[in-house]
N, C-alpha and C. Protein backbone atom coordinates (compact mmCIF):
# COMPACT_ATOMS: atom_id res chain seq x y z
N MET A 1 -48.53 -65.46 -130.22
CA MET A 1 -49.64 -64.55 -130.02
C MET A 1 -49.43 -63.31 -130.89
N PRO A 2 -50.42 -62.93 -131.69
CA PRO A 2 -50.25 -61.78 -132.58
C PRO A 2 -50.21 -60.47 -131.81
N LYS A 3 -49.52 -59.49 -132.39
CA LYS A 3 -49.42 -58.18 -131.78
C LYS A 3 -50.66 -57.36 -132.11
N LYS A 4 -51.09 -56.52 -131.16
CA LYS A 4 -52.25 -55.67 -131.39
C LYS A 4 -51.89 -54.55 -132.35
N ILE A 5 -52.77 -54.28 -133.30
CA ILE A 5 -52.63 -53.12 -134.18
C ILE A 5 -53.89 -52.29 -134.00
N LEU A 6 -53.72 -51.03 -133.59
CA LEU A 6 -54.84 -50.15 -133.30
C LEU A 6 -54.72 -48.88 -134.13
N GLU A 7 -55.86 -48.21 -134.36
CA GLU A 7 -55.88 -46.94 -135.08
C GLU A 7 -56.48 -45.89 -134.17
N GLY A 8 -55.87 -44.69 -134.18
CA GLY A 8 -56.37 -43.63 -133.33
C GLY A 8 -55.89 -42.27 -133.79
N VAL A 9 -56.15 -41.26 -132.95
CA VAL A 9 -55.82 -39.87 -133.25
C VAL A 9 -54.84 -39.36 -132.20
N VAL A 10 -53.81 -38.63 -132.67
CA VAL A 10 -52.82 -38.05 -131.76
C VAL A 10 -53.46 -36.89 -131.02
N VAL A 11 -53.40 -36.91 -129.68
CA VAL A 11 -53.96 -35.82 -128.88
C VAL A 11 -52.88 -35.00 -128.19
N SER A 12 -51.66 -35.52 -128.11
CA SER A 12 -50.57 -34.77 -127.50
C SER A 12 -49.25 -35.20 -128.13
N ASP A 13 -48.38 -34.21 -128.39
CA ASP A 13 -47.05 -34.51 -128.93
C ASP A 13 -45.98 -33.73 -128.17
N LYS A 14 -46.22 -33.47 -126.89
CA LYS A 14 -45.34 -32.62 -126.10
C LYS A 14 -44.03 -33.31 -125.69
N GLY A 15 -44.05 -34.61 -125.52
CA GLY A 15 -42.85 -35.32 -125.09
C GLY A 15 -41.86 -35.51 -126.23
N ASN A 16 -40.59 -35.71 -125.87
CA ASN A 16 -39.57 -35.98 -126.87
C ASN A 16 -39.65 -37.45 -127.25
N LYS A 17 -39.87 -37.73 -128.54
CA LYS A 17 -40.02 -39.08 -129.08
C LYS A 17 -41.23 -39.81 -128.50
N SER A 18 -42.23 -39.06 -128.03
CA SER A 18 -43.43 -39.65 -127.46
C SER A 18 -44.67 -38.90 -127.93
N ILE A 19 -45.74 -39.63 -128.15
CA ILE A 19 -47.03 -39.03 -128.44
C ILE A 19 -48.10 -39.78 -127.64
N THR A 20 -49.25 -39.14 -127.46
CA THR A 20 -50.38 -39.79 -126.82
C THR A 20 -51.47 -39.96 -127.86
N VAL A 21 -51.99 -41.17 -127.97
CA VAL A 21 -52.99 -41.51 -128.99
C VAL A 21 -54.27 -41.97 -128.29
N VAL A 22 -55.42 -41.45 -128.75
CA VAL A 22 -56.71 -41.89 -128.24
C VAL A 22 -57.31 -42.86 -129.25
N VAL A 23 -57.67 -44.05 -128.78
CA VAL A 23 -58.29 -45.07 -129.62
C VAL A 23 -59.74 -45.23 -129.16
N GLU A 24 -60.67 -45.04 -130.12
CA GLU A 24 -62.09 -45.21 -129.84
C GLU A 24 -62.54 -46.58 -130.32
N ARG A 25 -63.36 -47.24 -129.52
CA ARG A 25 -63.82 -48.57 -129.85
C ARG A 25 -65.33 -48.65 -129.63
N LYS A 26 -66.04 -49.20 -130.61
CA LYS A 26 -67.49 -49.38 -130.48
C LYS A 26 -67.78 -50.88 -130.37
N PHE A 27 -68.70 -51.21 -129.45
CA PHE A 27 -69.11 -52.60 -129.32
C PHE A 27 -70.54 -52.66 -128.77
N LYS A 28 -71.16 -53.77 -128.97
CA LYS A 28 -72.52 -53.96 -128.49
C LYS A 28 -72.48 -54.50 -127.07
N HIS A 29 -73.15 -53.80 -126.15
CA HIS A 29 -73.16 -54.20 -124.75
C HIS A 29 -73.92 -55.52 -124.59
N PRO A 30 -73.35 -56.48 -123.87
CA PRO A 30 -73.96 -57.81 -123.80
C PRO A 30 -75.34 -57.83 -123.12
N THR A 31 -75.57 -56.98 -122.13
CA THR A 31 -76.85 -56.98 -121.43
C THR A 31 -77.82 -55.95 -121.98
N LEU A 32 -77.33 -54.73 -122.19
CA LEU A 32 -78.19 -53.64 -122.63
C LEU A 32 -78.53 -53.70 -124.11
N GLN A 33 -77.76 -54.44 -124.90
CA GLN A 33 -77.98 -54.60 -126.33
C GLN A 33 -77.98 -53.26 -127.08
N LYS A 34 -77.13 -52.34 -126.64
CA LYS A 34 -76.98 -51.08 -127.35
C LYS A 34 -75.51 -50.86 -127.66
N VAL A 35 -75.23 -50.03 -128.64
CA VAL A 35 -73.86 -49.78 -129.04
C VAL A 35 -73.22 -48.80 -128.06
N VAL A 36 -72.09 -49.19 -127.51
CA VAL A 36 -71.38 -48.39 -126.53
C VAL A 36 -70.02 -48.01 -127.11
N MET A 37 -69.61 -46.76 -126.90
CA MET A 37 -68.30 -46.31 -127.39
C MET A 37 -67.39 -46.04 -126.21
N THR A 38 -66.18 -46.59 -126.26
CA THR A 38 -65.20 -46.34 -125.21
C THR A 38 -63.96 -45.70 -125.82
N LYS A 39 -63.24 -44.93 -125.01
CA LYS A 39 -62.00 -44.30 -125.44
C LYS A 39 -60.90 -44.74 -124.49
N LYS A 40 -59.71 -44.91 -125.04
CA LYS A 40 -58.56 -45.26 -124.21
C LYS A 40 -57.33 -44.55 -124.75
N LYS A 41 -56.51 -44.02 -123.84
CA LYS A 41 -55.28 -43.32 -124.23
C LYS A 41 -54.10 -44.27 -124.14
N TYR A 42 -53.23 -44.19 -125.13
CA TYR A 42 -52.01 -44.98 -125.16
C TYR A 42 -50.82 -44.04 -125.33
N HIS A 43 -49.76 -44.30 -124.58
CA HIS A 43 -48.50 -43.57 -124.76
C HIS A 43 -47.71 -44.35 -125.81
N VAL A 44 -47.27 -43.64 -126.86
CA VAL A 44 -46.70 -44.29 -128.03
C VAL A 44 -45.33 -43.71 -128.35
N HIS A 45 -44.41 -44.57 -128.77
CA HIS A 45 -43.06 -44.16 -129.15
C HIS A 45 -43.06 -43.64 -130.59
N ASP A 46 -42.53 -42.43 -130.79
CA ASP A 46 -42.42 -41.80 -132.11
C ASP A 46 -40.95 -41.42 -132.32
N GLU A 47 -40.18 -42.32 -132.92
CA GLU A 47 -38.73 -42.16 -133.03
C GLU A 47 -38.31 -40.86 -133.71
N LYS A 48 -39.01 -40.44 -134.75
CA LYS A 48 -38.58 -39.28 -135.54
C LYS A 48 -39.29 -37.98 -135.17
N ASN A 49 -40.15 -37.99 -134.15
CA ASN A 49 -40.95 -36.81 -133.78
C ASN A 49 -41.69 -36.24 -134.98
N SER A 50 -42.27 -37.09 -135.80
CA SER A 50 -42.87 -36.65 -137.06
C SER A 50 -44.38 -36.43 -136.98
N PHE A 51 -45.04 -36.85 -135.92
CA PHE A 51 -46.49 -36.74 -135.84
C PHE A 51 -46.91 -35.60 -134.92
N LYS A 52 -47.97 -34.90 -135.32
CA LYS A 52 -48.48 -33.74 -134.58
C LYS A 52 -49.91 -34.02 -134.15
N GLU A 53 -50.45 -33.13 -133.31
CA GLU A 53 -51.82 -33.29 -132.83
C GLU A 53 -52.80 -33.32 -133.99
N GLY A 54 -53.78 -34.22 -133.91
CA GLY A 54 -54.80 -34.33 -134.94
C GLY A 54 -54.50 -35.36 -136.02
N ASP A 55 -53.27 -35.86 -136.10
CA ASP A 55 -52.92 -36.86 -137.10
C ASP A 55 -53.56 -38.21 -136.76
N LYS A 56 -54.04 -38.91 -137.78
CA LYS A 56 -54.55 -40.27 -137.60
C LYS A 56 -53.39 -41.23 -137.82
N VAL A 57 -53.18 -42.15 -136.88
CA VAL A 57 -52.04 -43.05 -136.96
C VAL A 57 -52.46 -44.48 -136.65
N ALA A 58 -51.64 -45.42 -137.08
CA ALA A 58 -51.77 -46.83 -136.70
C ALA A 58 -50.61 -47.15 -135.77
N ILE A 59 -50.92 -47.85 -134.68
CA ILE A 59 -49.88 -48.20 -133.70
C ILE A 59 -49.86 -49.71 -133.51
N ILE A 60 -48.70 -50.22 -133.10
CA ILE A 60 -48.54 -51.66 -132.91
C ILE A 60 -47.89 -51.92 -131.56
N GLU A 61 -48.30 -53.00 -130.93
CA GLU A 61 -47.76 -53.40 -129.64
C GLU A 61 -46.30 -53.82 -129.80
N THR A 62 -45.47 -53.45 -128.82
CA THR A 62 -44.05 -53.78 -128.89
C THR A 62 -43.52 -54.05 -127.48
N ARG A 63 -42.25 -54.29 -127.39
CA ARG A 63 -41.63 -54.51 -126.07
C ARG A 63 -41.74 -53.23 -125.24
N PRO A 64 -41.65 -53.30 -123.91
CA PRO A 64 -41.70 -52.09 -123.10
C PRO A 64 -40.52 -51.15 -123.41
N ILE A 65 -40.83 -49.90 -123.75
CA ILE A 65 -39.81 -48.92 -124.07
C ILE A 65 -39.52 -48.05 -122.85
N SER A 66 -40.55 -47.78 -122.05
CA SER A 66 -40.38 -47.06 -120.79
C SER A 66 -41.44 -47.58 -119.83
N LYS A 67 -41.65 -46.86 -118.73
CA LYS A 67 -42.61 -47.32 -117.73
C LYS A 67 -44.03 -47.44 -118.30
N THR A 68 -44.43 -46.50 -119.17
CA THR A 68 -45.79 -46.51 -119.70
C THR A 68 -45.88 -46.78 -121.19
N LYS A 69 -44.79 -46.70 -121.95
CA LYS A 69 -44.86 -46.88 -123.40
C LYS A 69 -44.70 -48.35 -123.79
N ARG A 70 -45.77 -48.88 -124.42
CA ARG A 70 -45.78 -50.27 -124.87
C ARG A 70 -46.15 -50.37 -126.35
N PHE A 71 -46.30 -49.23 -127.02
CA PHE A 71 -46.69 -49.19 -128.43
C PHE A 71 -45.74 -48.31 -129.22
N THR A 72 -45.67 -48.53 -130.53
CA THR A 72 -44.90 -47.69 -131.41
C THR A 72 -45.71 -47.42 -132.68
N VAL A 73 -45.42 -46.29 -133.34
CA VAL A 73 -46.15 -45.89 -134.54
C VAL A 73 -45.66 -46.70 -135.73
N ILE A 74 -46.59 -47.20 -136.56
CA ILE A 74 -46.16 -47.91 -137.77
C ILE A 74 -46.47 -47.12 -139.03
N GLU A 75 -47.56 -46.31 -139.05
CA GLU A 75 -47.87 -45.57 -140.26
C GLU A 75 -48.85 -44.44 -140.00
N ASP A 76 -48.88 -43.50 -140.93
CA ASP A 76 -49.82 -42.40 -140.91
C ASP A 76 -51.07 -42.83 -141.69
N LYS A 77 -52.26 -42.63 -141.12
CA LYS A 77 -53.51 -43.07 -141.75
C LYS A 77 -54.24 -41.93 -142.45
N ALA A 78 -53.60 -40.78 -142.66
CA ALA A 78 -54.28 -39.64 -143.26
C ALA A 78 -54.39 -39.74 -144.71
């Protein structure tokens, strides 16, 4: 099964080696037939503490690192 790769924006970098990323997704609603936008927050592992608020990043699914962290940063999209 392939790993998920998502793109989003860093909204918090307060934790040590952790950031919070918001991923926005647009899709067409099956019944209403209109474009709907959803947002979801992911807790992401940042080994080098190199990303700050407002940075665009790509994240990838990985093994569980802590209770809530299941993703890690792979690259900067800026």
